[in-house]
């Protein structure tokens, strides 16, 4: 309720890969969020790790050979995106969704 109505509508348009049937806020959050900082336990990535959701970054496409890289800035508390190579005009900006 604290988000402006326009941002609430954008949020509900994001994908929910975890819920069957109607979307849920937690399903949308888990589908589209990024880890903030290092995992609490790198051997056991779980839902207790702090996560962030950015409406714009959530719309980036996935690629096994992405042209952008994600970096968490602990000092600023921000997720930052950098081009990992030259990106052609009109080319989709792509990330890898999961670090393997």
PDB file of N, CA and C in Angstrom:
ATOM      1  N   UNK A   1       0.806  -1.199   0.000  1.00  0.00           N
ATOM      2  CA  UNK A   1       0.000   0.000   0.000  1.00  0.00           C
ATOM      3  C   UNK A   1       0.850   1.265   0.000  1.00  0.00           C
ATOM      4  N   UNK A   2       2.122   1.159   0.348  1.00  0.00           N
ATOM      5  CA  UNK A   2       2.962   2.355   0.396  1.00  0.00           C
ATOM      6  C   UNK A   2       3.524   2.719  -0.967  1.00  0.00           C
ATOM      7  N   UNK A   3       3.496   1.784  -1.917  1.00  0.00           N
ATOM      8  CA  UNK A   3       3.946   2.103  -3.275  1.00  0.00           C
ATOM      9  C   UNK A   3       2.873   2.914  -3.982  1.00  0.00           C
ATOM     10  N   UNK A   4       3.285   3.870  -4.808  1.00  0.00           N
ATOM     11  CA  UNK A   4       2.294   4.586  -5.619  1.00  0.00           C
ATOM     12  C   UNK A   4       1.517   3.589  -6.486  1.00  0.00           C
ATOM     13  N   UNK A   5       0.273   3.885  -6.794  1.00  0.00           N
ATOM     14  CA  UNK A   5      -0.609   2.990  -7.549  1.00  0.00           C
ATOM     15  C   UNK A   5       0.030   2.563  -8.860  1.00  0.00           C
ATOM     16  N   UNK A   6       0.680   3.474  -9.578  1.00  0.00           N
ATOM     17  CA  UNK A   6       1.312   3.137 -10.855  1.00  0.00           C
ATOM     18  C   UNK A   6       2.381   2.055 -10.665  1.00  0.00           C
ATOM     19  N   UNK A   7       3.202   2.164  -9.623  1.00  0.00           N
ATOM     20  CA  UNK A   7       4.234   1.162  -9.357  1.00  0.00           C
ATOM     21  C   UNK A   7       3.613  -0.157  -8.905  1.00  0.00           C
ATOM     22  N   UNK A   8       2.510  -0.106  -8.164  1.00  0.00           N
ATOM     23  CA  UNK A   8       1.811  -1.334  -7.780  1.00  0.00           C
ATOM     24  C   UNK A   8       1.327  -2.073  -9.027  1.00  0.00           C
ATOM     25  N   UNK A   9       0.785  -1.337  -9.982  1.00  0.00           N
ATOM     26  CA  UNK A   9       0.301  -1.953 -11.220  1.00  0.00           C
ATOM     27  C   UNK A   9       1.462  -2.575 -12.001  1.00  0.00           C
ATOM     28  N   UNK A  10       2.599  -1.885 -12.069  1.00  0.00           N
ATOM     29  CA  UNK A  10       3.780  -2.430 -12.749  1.00  0.00           C
ATOM     30  C   UNK A  10       4.272  -3.693 -12.051  1.00  0.00           C
ATOM     31  N   UNK A  11       4.255  -3.687 -10.737  1.00  0.00           N
ATOM     32  CA  UNK A  11       4.698  -4.838  -9.962  1.00  0.00           C
ATOM     33  C   UNK A  11       3.846  -6.062 -10.279  1.00  0.00           C
ATOM     34  N   UNK A  12       2.531  -5.900 -10.333  1.00  0.00           N
ATOM     35  CA  UNK A  12       1.625  -7.020 -10.594  1.00  0.00           C
ATOM     36  C   UNK A  12       1.725  -7.514 -12.031  1.00  0.00           C
ATOM     37  N   UNK A  13       2.374  -6.770 -12.917  1.00  0.00           N
ATOM     38  CA  UNK A  13       2.572  -7.216 -14.294  1.00  0.00           C
ATOM     39  C   UNK A  13       3.809  -8.106 -14.432  1.00  0.00           C
ATOM     40  N   UNK A  14       4.660  -8.152 -13.408  1.00  0.00           N
ATOM     41  CA  UNK A  14       5.856  -8.988 -13.460  1.00  0.00           C
ATOM     42  C   UNK A  14       5.474 -10.472 -13.383  1.00  0.00           C
ATOM     43  N   UNK A  15       6.367 -11.321 -13.854  1.00  0.00           N
ATOM     44  CA  UNK A  15       6.147 -12.773 -13.876  1.00  0.00           C
ATOM     45  C   UNK A  15       6.138 -13.357 -12.471  1.00  0.00           C
ATOM     46  N   UNK A  16       5.332 -14.401 -12.273  1.00  0.00           N
ATOM     47  CA  UNK A  16       5.303 -15.173 -11.038  1.00  0.00           C
ATOM     48  C   UNK A  16       5.507 -16.632 -11.421  1.00  0.00           C
ATOM     49  N   UNK A  17       6.709 -17.154 -11.231  1.00  0.00           N
ATOM     50  CA  UNK A  17       7.033 -18.529 -11.608  1.00  0.00           C
ATOM     51  C   UNK A  17       6.786 -19.517 -10.475  1.00  0.00           C
ATOM     52  N   UNK A  18       6.314 -19.056  -9.341  1.00  0.00           N
ATOM     53  CA  UNK A  18       6.167 -19.923  -8.177  1.00  0.00           C
ATOM     54  C   UNK A  18       4.728 -20.255  -7.824  1.00  0.00           C
ATOM     55  N   UNK A  19       3.767 -19.493  -8.293  1.00  0.00           N
ATOM     56  CA  UNK A  19       2.372 -19.708  -7.927  1.00  0.00           C
ATOM     57  C   UNK A  19       1.615 -20.380  -9.057  1.00  0.00           C
ATOM     58  N   UNK A  20       0.692 -21.240  -8.684  1.00  0.00           N
ATOM     59  CA  UNK A  20      -0.182 -21.882  -9.661  1.00  0.00           C
ATOM     60  C   UNK A  20      -1.511 -21.134  -9.629  1.00  0.00           C
ATOM     61  N   UNK A  21      -1.968 -20.710 -10.798  1.00  0.00           N
ATOM     62  CA  UNK A  21      -3.215 -19.944 -10.841  1.00  0.00           C
ATOM     63  C   UNK A  21      -2.937 -18.467 -10.657  1.00  0.00           C
ATOM     64  N   UNK A  22      -3.553 -17.873  -9.657  1.00  0.00           N
ATOM     65  CA  UNK A  22      -3.425 -16.435  -9.415  1.00  0.00           C
ATOM     66  C   UNK A  22      -2.020 -16.094  -8.917  1.00  0.00           C
ATOM     67  N   UNK A  23      -1.512 -14.969  -9.391  1.00  0.00           N
ATOM     68  CA  UNK A  23      -0.211 -14.486  -8.927  1.00  0.00           C
ATOM     69  C   UNK A  23      -0.286 -14.128  -7.452  1.00  0.00           C
ATOM     70  N   UNK A  24       0.869 -14.264  -6.787  1.00  0.00           N
ATOM     71  CA  UNK A  24       0.979 -13.807  -5.402  1.00  0.00           C
ATOM     72  C   UNK A  24       2.136 -12.829  -5.315  1.00  0.00           C
ATOM     73  N   UNK A  25       2.072 -11.959  -4.353  1.00  0.00           N
ATOM     74  CA  UNK A  25       3.150 -10.993  -4.165  1.00  0.00           C
ATOM     75  C   UNK A  25       4.458 -11.703  -3.845  1.00  0.00           C
ATOM     76  N   UNK A  26       4.403 -12.744  -3.015  1.00  0.00           N
ATOM     77  CA  UNK A  26       5.644 -13.457  -2.692  1.00  0.00           C
ATOM     78  C   UNK A  26       6.184 -14.187  -3.919  1.00  0.00           C
ATOM     79  N   UNK A  27       5.311 -14.749  -4.756  1.00  0.00           N
ATOM     80  CA  UNK A  27       5.760 -15.404  -5.976  1.00  0.00           C
ATOM     81  C   UNK A  27       6.418 -14.428  -6.929  1.00  0.00           C
ATOM     82  N   UNK A  28       5.851 -13.247  -7.070  1.00  0.00           N
ATOM     83  CA  UNK A  28       6.441 -12.205  -7.921  1.00  0.00           C
ATOM     84  C   UNK A  28       7.788 -11.783  -7.354  1.00  0.00           C
ATOM     85  N   UNK A  29       7.854 -11.605  -6.043  1.00  0.00           N
ATOM     86  CA  UNK A  29       9.106 -11.180  -5.410  1.00  0.00           C
ATOM     87  C   UNK A  29      10.199 -12.228  -5.597  1.00  0.00           C
ATOM     88  N   UNK A  30       9.900 -13.502  -5.369  1.00  0.00           N
ATOM     89  CA  UNK A  30      10.914 -14.550  -5.506  1.00  0.00           C
ATOM     90  C   UNK A  30      11.351 -14.727  -6.949  1.00  0.00           C
ATOM     91  N   UNK A  31      10.438 -14.527  -7.893  1.00  0.00           N
ATOM     92  CA  UNK A  31      10.760 -14.677  -9.308  1.00  0.00           C
ATOM     93  C   UNK A  31      11.666 -13.557  -9.806  1.00  0.00           C
ATOM     94  N   UNK A  32      11.468 -12.342  -9.316  1.00  0.00           N
ATOM     95  CA  UNK A  32      12.102 -11.164  -9.901  1.00  0.00           C
ATOM     96  C   UNK A  32      13.152 -10.490  -9.033  1.00  0.00           C
ATOM     97  N   UNK A  33      13.402 -10.997  -7.851  1.00  0.00           N
ATOM     98  CA  UNK A  33      14.339 -10.315  -6.956  1.00  0.00           C
ATOM     99  C   UNK A  33      15.771 -10.775  -7.180  1.00  0.00           C
ATOM    100  N   UNK A  34      16.684  -9.967  -6.712  1.00  0.00           N
ATOM    101  CA  UNK A  34      18.109 -10.238  -6.782  1.00  0.00           C
ATOM    102  C   UNK A  34      18.658 -10.256  -5.366  1.00  0.00           C
ATOM    103  N   UNK A  35      19.697 -11.030  -5.173  1.00  0.00           N
ATOM    104  CA  UNK A  35      20.325 -11.096  -3.864  1.00  0.00           C
ATOM    105  C   UNK A  35      21.074  -9.806  -3.575  1.00  0.00           C
ATOM    106  N   UNK A  36      20.909  -9.304  -2.363  1.00  0.00           N
ATOM    107  CA  UNK A  36      21.620  -8.104  -1.928  1.00  0.00           C
ATOM    108  C   UNK A  36      22.861  -8.546  -1.168  1.00  0.00           C
ATOM    109  N   UNK A  37      24.031  -8.291  -1.720  1.00  0.00           N
ATOM    110  CA  UNK A  37      25.267  -8.680  -1.056  1.00  0.00           C
ATOM    111  C   UNK A  37      25.557 -10.152  -1.215  1.00  0.00           C
ATOM    112  N   UNK A  38      26.422 -10.667  -0.369  1.00  0.00           N
ATOM    113  CA  UNK A  38      26.826 -12.062  -0.406  1.00  0.00           C
ATOM    114  C   UNK A  38      25.783 -12.921   0.300  1.00  0.00           C
ATOM    115  N   UNK A  39      25.617 -14.171  -0.133  1.00  0.00           N
ATOM    116  CA  UNK A  39      24.686 -15.047   0.574  1.00  0.00           C
ATOM    117  C   UNK A  39      25.122 -15.245   2.016  1.00  0.00           C
ATOM    118  N   UNK A  40      24.159 -15.407   2.901  1.00  0.00           N
ATOM    119  CA  UNK A  40      24.488 -15.651   4.302  1.00  0.00           C
ATOM    120  C   UNK A  40      25.253 -16.954   4.440  1.00  0.00           C
ATOM    121  N   UNK A  41      24.882 -17.945   3.638  1.00  0.00           N
ATOM    122  CA  UNK A  41      25.573 -19.229   3.614  1.00  0.00           C
ATOM    123  C   UNK A  41      25.687 -19.642   2.155  1.00  0.00           C
ATOM    124  N   UNK A  42      26.845 -19.443   1.525  1.00  0.00           N
ATOM    125  CA  UNK A  42      26.983 -19.715   0.094  1.00  0.00           C
ATOM    126  C   UNK A  42      26.646 -21.153  -0.296  1.00  0.00           C
ATOM    127  N   UNK A  43      26.733 -22.105   0.643  1.00  0.00           N
ATOM    128  CA  UNK A  43      26.409 -23.502   0.339  1.00  0.00           C
ATOM    129  C   UNK A  43      24.910 -23.763   0.367  1.00  0.00           C
ATOM    130  N   UNK A  44      24.150 -22.862   0.966  1.00  0.00           N
ATOM    131  CA  UNK A  44      22.722 -23.097   1.138  1.00  0.00           C
ATOM    132  C   UNK A  44      21.959 -21.806   0.855  1.00  0.00           C
ATOM    133  N   UNK A  45      21.787 -21.488  -0.425  1.00  0.00           N
ATOM    134  CA  UNK A  45      21.025 -20.295  -0.778  1.00  0.00           C
ATOM    135  C   UNK A  45      19.577 -20.526  -0.372  1.00  0.00           C
ATOM    136  N   UNK A  46      19.089 -19.715   0.528  1.00  0.00           N
ATOM    137  CA  UNK A  46      17.706 -19.888   0.961  1.00  0.00           C
ATOM    138  C   UNK A  46      17.003 -18.540   1.021  1.00  0.00           C
ATOM    139  N   UNK A  47      15.770 -18.562   1.458  1.00  0.00           N
ATOM    140  CA  UNK A  47      14.948 -17.362   1.432  1.00  0.00           C
ATOM    141  C   UNK A  47      15.260 -16.407   2.569  1.00  0.00           C
ATOM    142  N   UNK A  48      16.192 -16.773   3.469  1.00  0.00           N
ATOM    143  CA  UNK A  48      16.558 -15.879   4.558  1.00  0.00           C
ATOM    144  C   UNK A  48      17.546 -14.811   4.106  1.00  0.00           C
ATOM    145  N   UNK A  49      18.157 -15.002   2.931  1.00  0.00           N
ATOM    146  CA  UNK A  49      19.081 -14.005   2.409  1.00  0.00           C
ATOM    147  C   UNK A  49      18.310 -12.749   2.039  1.00  0.00           C
ATOM    148  N   UNK A  50      18.951 -11.597   2.193  1.00  0.00           N
ATOM    149  CA  UNK A  50      18.297 -10.335   1.851  1.00  0.00           C
ATOM    150  C   UNK A  50      18.207 -10.198   0.337  1.00  0.00           C
ATOM    151  N   UNK A  51      17.041  -9.792  -0.151  1.00  0.00           N
ATOM    152  CA  UNK A  51      16.798  -9.680  -1.581  1.00  0.00           C
ATOM    153  C   UNK A  51      16.226  -8.303  -1.890  1.00  0.00           C
ATOM    154  N   UNK A  52      16.428  -7.858  -3.134  1.00  0.00           N
ATOM    155  CA  UNK A  52      15.895  -6.576  -3.599  1.00  0.00           C
ATOM    156  C   UNK A  52      15.155  -6.801  -4.913  1.00  0.00           C
ATOM    157  N   UNK A  53      14.178  -5.953  -5.180  1.00  0.00           N
ATOM    158  CA  UNK A  53      13.424  -6.031  -6.422  1.00  0.00           C
ATOM    159  C   UNK A  53      13.400  -4.647  -7.061  1.00  0.00           C
ATOM    160  N   UNK A  54      13.859  -4.577  -8.304  1.00  0.00           N
ATOM    161  CA  UNK A  54      13.828  -3.348  -9.086  1.00  0.00           C
ATOM    162  C   UNK A  54      12.918  -3.599 -10.289  1.00  0.00           C
ATOM    163  N   UNK A  55      11.909  -2.775 -10.460  1.00  0.00           N
ATOM    164  CA  UNK A  55      10.960  -2.983 -11.560  1.00  0.00           C
ATOM    165  C   UNK A  55      11.655  -3.006 -12.915  1.00  0.00           C
ATOM    166  N   UNK A  56      12.565  -2.088 -13.160  1.00  0.00           N
ATOM    167  CA  UNK A  56      13.213  -2.003 -14.473  1.00  0.00           C
ATOM    168  C   UNK A  56      14.164  -3.182 -14.707  1.00  0.00           C
ATOM    169  N   UNK A  57      14.989  -3.497 -13.730  1.00  0.00           N
ATOM    170  CA  UNK A  57      15.968  -4.570 -13.891  1.00  0.00           C
ATOM    171  C   UNK A  57      15.261  -5.924 -14.014  1.00  0.00           C
ATOM    172  N   UNK A  58      14.113  -6.066 -13.384  1.00  0.00           N
ATOM    173  CA  UNK A  58      13.354  -7.307 -13.474  1.00  0.00           C
ATOM    174  C   UNK A  58      12.892  -7.603 -14.896  1.00  0.00           C
ATOM    175  N   UNK A  59      12.882  -6.630 -15.741  1.00  0.00           N
ATOM    176  CA  UNK A  59      12.429  -6.810 -17.124  1.00  0.00           C
ATOM    177  C   UNK A  59      13.572  -7.156 -18.084  1.00  0.00           C
ATOM    178  N   UNK A  60      14.808  -7.188 -17.582  1.00  0.00           N
ATOM    179  CA  UNK A  60      15.932  -7.593 -18.428  1.00  0.00           C
ATOM    180  C   UNK A  60      15.745  -9.063 -18.807  1.00  0.00           C
ATOM    181  N   UNK A  61      16.156  -9.430 -19.995  1.00  0.00           N
ATOM    182  CA  UNK A  61      16.081 -10.813 -20.443  1.00  0.00           C
ATOM    183  C   UNK A  61      17.267 -11.605 -19.907  1.00  0.00           C
ATOM    184  N   UNK A  62      17.115 -12.927 -19.916  1.00  0.00           N
ATOM    185  CA  UNK A  62      18.193 -13.829 -19.514  1.00  0.00           C
ATOM    186  C   UNK A  62      18.997 -14.246 -20.741  1.00  0.00           C
ATOM    187  N   UNK A  63      20.288 -14.458 -20.536  1.00  0.00           N
ATOM    188  CA  UNK A  63      21.134 -15.034 -21.571  1.00  0.00           C
ATOM    189  C   UNK A  63      22.254 -15.809 -20.889  1.00  0.00           C
ATOM    190  N   UNK A  64      22.626 -16.937 -21.485  1.00  0.00           N
ATOM    191  CA  UNK A  64      23.798 -17.671 -20.989  1.00  0.00           C
ATOM    192  C   UNK A  64      25.080 -16.926 -21.345  1.00  0.00           C
ATOM    193  N   UNK A  65      24.981 -16.016 -22.321  1.00  0.00           N
ATOM    194  CA  UNK A  65      26.094 -15.138 -22.708  1.00  0.00           C
ATOM    195  C   UNK A  65      25.610 -13.695 -22.616  1.00  0.00           C
ATOM    196  N   UNK A  66      25.398 -13.196 -21.399  1.00  0.00           N
ATOM    197  CA  UNK A  66      24.808 -11.861 -21.232  1.00  0.00           C
ATOM    198  C   UNK A  66      25.747 -10.746 -21.674  1.00  0.00           C
ATOM    199  N   UNK A  67      25.148  -9.609 -22.027  1.00  0.00           N
ATOM    200  CA  UNK A  67      25.952  -8.442 -22.374  1.00  0.00           C
ATOM    201  C   UNK A  67      26.067  -7.469 -21.198  1.00  0.00           C
ATOM    202  N   UNK A  68      25.390  -7.782 -20.087  1.00  0.00           N
ATOM    203  CA  UNK A  68      25.445  -6.944 -18.884  1.00  0.00           C
ATOM    204  C   UNK A  68      25.801  -7.789 -17.676  1.00  0.00           C
ATOM    205  N   UNK A  69      26.352  -7.130 -16.677  1.00  0.00           N
ATOM    206  CA  UNK A  69      26.727  -7.800 -15.440  1.00  0.00           C
ATOM    207  C   UNK A  69      26.077  -7.086 -14.264  1.00  0.00           C
ATOM    208  N   UNK A  70      25.757  -7.854 -13.239  1.00  0.00           N
ATOM    209  CA  UNK A  70      25.129  -7.327 -12.032  1.00  0.00           C
ATOM    210  C   UNK A  70      26.198  -7.193 -10.951  1.00  0.00           C
ATOM    211  N   UNK A  71      26.138  -6.091 -10.214  1.00  0.00           N
ATOM    212  CA  UNK A  71      27.077  -5.882  -9.122  1.00  0.00           C
ATOM    213  C   UNK A  71      26.329  -5.232  -7.956  1.00  0.00           C
ATOM    214  N   UNK A  72      26.490  -5.782  -6.765  1.00  0.00           N
ATOM    215  CA  UNK A  72      25.875  -5.204  -5.568  1.00  0.00           C
ATOM    216  C   UNK A  72      26.875  -4.273  -4.908  1.00  0.00           C
ATOM    217  N   UNK A  73      26.467  -3.040  -4.663  1.00  0.00           N
ATOM    218  CA  UNK A  73      27.298  -2.036  -4.003  1.00  0.00           C
ATOM    219  C   UNK A  73      26.872  -1.966  -2.532  1.00  0.00           C
ATOM    220  N   UNK A  74      27.646  -2.607  -1.645  1.00  0.00           N
ATOM    221  CA  UNK A  74      27.308  -2.616  -0.214  1.00  0.00           C
ATOM    222  C   UNK A  74      27.294  -1.210   0.379  1.00  0.00           C
ATOM    223  N   UNK A  75      28.210  -0.389  -0.066  1.00  0.00           N
ATOM    224  CA  UNK A  75      28.312   0.971   0.484  1.00  0.00           C
ATOM    225  C   UNK A  75      27.055   1.778   0.198  1.00  0.00           C
ATOM    226  N   UNK A  76      26.546   1.681  -1.034  1.00  0.00           N
ATOM    227  CA  UNK A  76      25.365   2.435  -1.442  1.00  0.00           C
ATOM    228  C   UNK A  76      24.065   1.669  -1.210  1.00  0.00           C
ATOM    229  N   UNK A  77      24.175   0.348  -1.047  1.00  0.00           N
ATOM    230  CA  UNK A  77      22.979  -0.467  -0.899  1.00  0.00           C
ATOM    231  C   UNK A  77      22.167  -0.523  -2.181  1.00  0.00           C
ATOM    232  N   UNK A  78      22.871  -0.612  -3.322  1.00  0.00           N
ATOM    233  CA  UNK A  78      22.214  -0.594  -4.633  1.00  0.00           C
ATOM    234  C   UNK A  78      22.710  -1.723  -5.520  1.00  0.00           C
ATOM    235  N   UNK A  79      21.818  -2.229  -6.339  1.00  0.00           N
ATOM    236  CA  UNK A  79      22.182  -3.168  -7.382  1.00  0.00           C
ATOM    237  C   UNK A  79      22.547  -2.344  -8.606  1.00  0.00           C
ATOM    238  N   UNK A  80      23.710  -2.616  -9.174  1.00  0.00           N
ATOM    239  CA  UNK A  80      24.155  -1.856 -10.338  1.00  0.00           C
ATOM    240  C   UNK A  80      24.340  -2.785 -11.517  1.00  0.00           C
ATOM    241  N   UNK A  81      24.047  -2.272 -12.708  1.00  0.00           N
ATOM    242  CA  UNK A  81      24.183  -3.032 -13.941  1.00  0.00           C
ATOM    243  C   UNK A  81      25.255  -2.359 -14.790  1.00  0.00           C
ATOM    244  N   UNK A  82      26.168  -3.168 -15.302  1.00  0.00           N
ATOM    245  CA  UNK A  82      27.235  -2.668 -16.163  1.00  0.00           C
ATOM    246  C   UNK A  82      27.233  -3.442 -17.463  1.00  0.00           C
ATOM    247  N   UNK A  83      27.545  -2.763 -18.552  1.00  0.00           N
ATOM    248  CA  UNK A  83      27.735  -3.462 -19.823  1.00  0.00           C
ATOM    249  C   UNK A  83      29.033  -4.252 -19.733  1.00  0.00           C
ATOM    250  N   UNK A  84      28.966  -5.549 -20.065  1.00  0.00           N
ATOM    251  CA  UNK A  84      30.146  -6.402 -20.034  1.00  0.00           C
ATOM    252  C   UNK A  84      30.880  -6.412 -21.365  1.00  0.00           C
ATOM    253  N   UNK A  85      30.241  -5.816 -22.356  1.00  0.00           N
ATOM    254  CA  UNK A  85      30.821  -5.695 -23.701  1.00  0.00           C
ATOM    255  C   UNK A  85      30.071  -4.580 -24.404  1.00  0.00           C
ATOM    256  N   UNK A  86      30.518  -4.218 -25.590  1.00  0.00           N
ATOM    257  CA  UNK A  86      29.798  -3.212 -26.361  1.00  0.00           C
ATOM    258  C   UNK A  86      28.401  -3.734 -26.683  1.00  0.00           C
ATOM    259  N   UNK A  87      27.407  -2.868 -26.558  1.00  0.00           N
ATOM    260  CA  UNK A  87      26.020  -3.233 -26.821  1.00  0.00           C
ATOM    261  C   UNK A  87      25.546  -2.417 -28.020  1.00  0.00           C
ATOM    262  N   UNK A  88      25.068  -3.125 -29.033  1.00  0.00           N
ATOM    263  CA  UNK A  88      24.609  -2.457 -30.260  1.00  0.00           C
ATOM    264  C   UNK A  88      23.288  -1.729 -30.009  1.00  0.00           C
ATOM    265  N   UNK A  89      23.081  -0.649 -30.728  1.00  0.00           N
ATOM    266  CA  UNK A  89      21.840   0.102 -30.654  1.00  0.00           C
ATOM    267  C   UNK A  89      20.671  -0.832 -30.970  1.00  0.00           C
ATOM    268  N   UNK A  90      19.680  -0.873 -30.101  1.00  0.00           N
ATOM    269  CA  UNK A  90      18.512  -1.717 -30.302  1.00  0.00           C
ATOM    270  C   UNK A  90      18.654  -3.133 -29.750  1.00  0.00           C
ATOM    271  N   UNK A  91      19.855  -3.527 -29.334  1.00  0.00           N
ATOM    272  CA  UNK A  91      20.077  -4.864 -28.781  1.00  0.00           C
ATOM    273  C   UNK A  91      19.485  -4.952 -27.374  1.00  0.00           C
ATOM    274  N   UNK A  92      18.815  -6.074 -27.054  1.00  0.00           N
ATOM    275  CA  UNK A  92      18.288  -6.271 -25.712  1.00  0.00           C
ATOM    276  C   UNK A  92      19.427  -6.316 -24.702  1.00  0.00           C
ATOM    277  N   UNK A  93      19.174  -5.764 -23.525  1.00  0.00           N
ATOM    278  CA  UNK A  93      20.121  -5.875 -22.425  1.00  0.00           C
ATOM    279  C   UNK A  93      19.808  -7.169 -21.691  1.00  0.00           C
ATOM    280  N   UNK A  94      20.798  -8.028 -21.531  1.00  0.00           N
ATOM    281  CA  UNK A  94      20.591  -9.360 -20.952  1.00  0.00           C
ATOM    282  C   UNK A  94      21.501  -9.587 -19.759  1.00  0.00           C
ATOM    283  N   UNK A  95      20.969 -10.340 -18.809  1.00  0.00           N
ATOM    284  CA  UNK A  95      21.700 -10.748 -17.603  1.00  0.00           C
ATOM    285  C   UNK A  95      21.668 -12.255 -17.502  1.00  0.00           C
ATOM    286  N   UNK A  96      22.526 -12.821 -16.670  1.00  0.00           N
ATOM    287  CA  UNK A  96      22.334 -14.212 -16.276  1.00  0.00           C
ATOM    288  C   UNK A  96      21.545 -14.141 -14.995  1.00  0.00           C
ATOM    289  N   UNK A  97      20.518 -14.967 -14.884  1.00  0.00           N
ATOM    290  CA  UNK A  97      19.618 -14.888 -13.740  1.00  0.00           C
ATOM    291  C   UNK A  97      20.166 -15.559 -12.497  1.00  0.00           C
ATOM    292  N   UNK A  98      21.025 -16.539 -12.686  1.00  0.00           N
ATOM    293  CA  UNK A  98      21.540 -17.253 -11.528  1.00  0.00           C
ATOM    294  C   UNK A  98      23.015 -17.508 -11.729  1.00  0.00           C
ATOM    295  N   UNK A  99      23.793 -17.229 -10.701  1.00  0.00           N
ATOM    296  CA  UNK A  99      25.223 -17.470 -10.741  1.00  0.00           C
ATOM    297  C   UNK A  99      25.456 -18.950 -10.513  1.00  0.00           C
ATOM    298  N   UNK A 100      26.176 -19.567 -11.447  1.00  0.00           N
ATOM    299  CA  UNK A 100      26.447 -21.007 -11.301  1.00  0.00           C
ATOM    300  C   UNK A 100      27.930 -21.262 -11.149  1.00  0.00           C
TER     301      UNK A 100
END
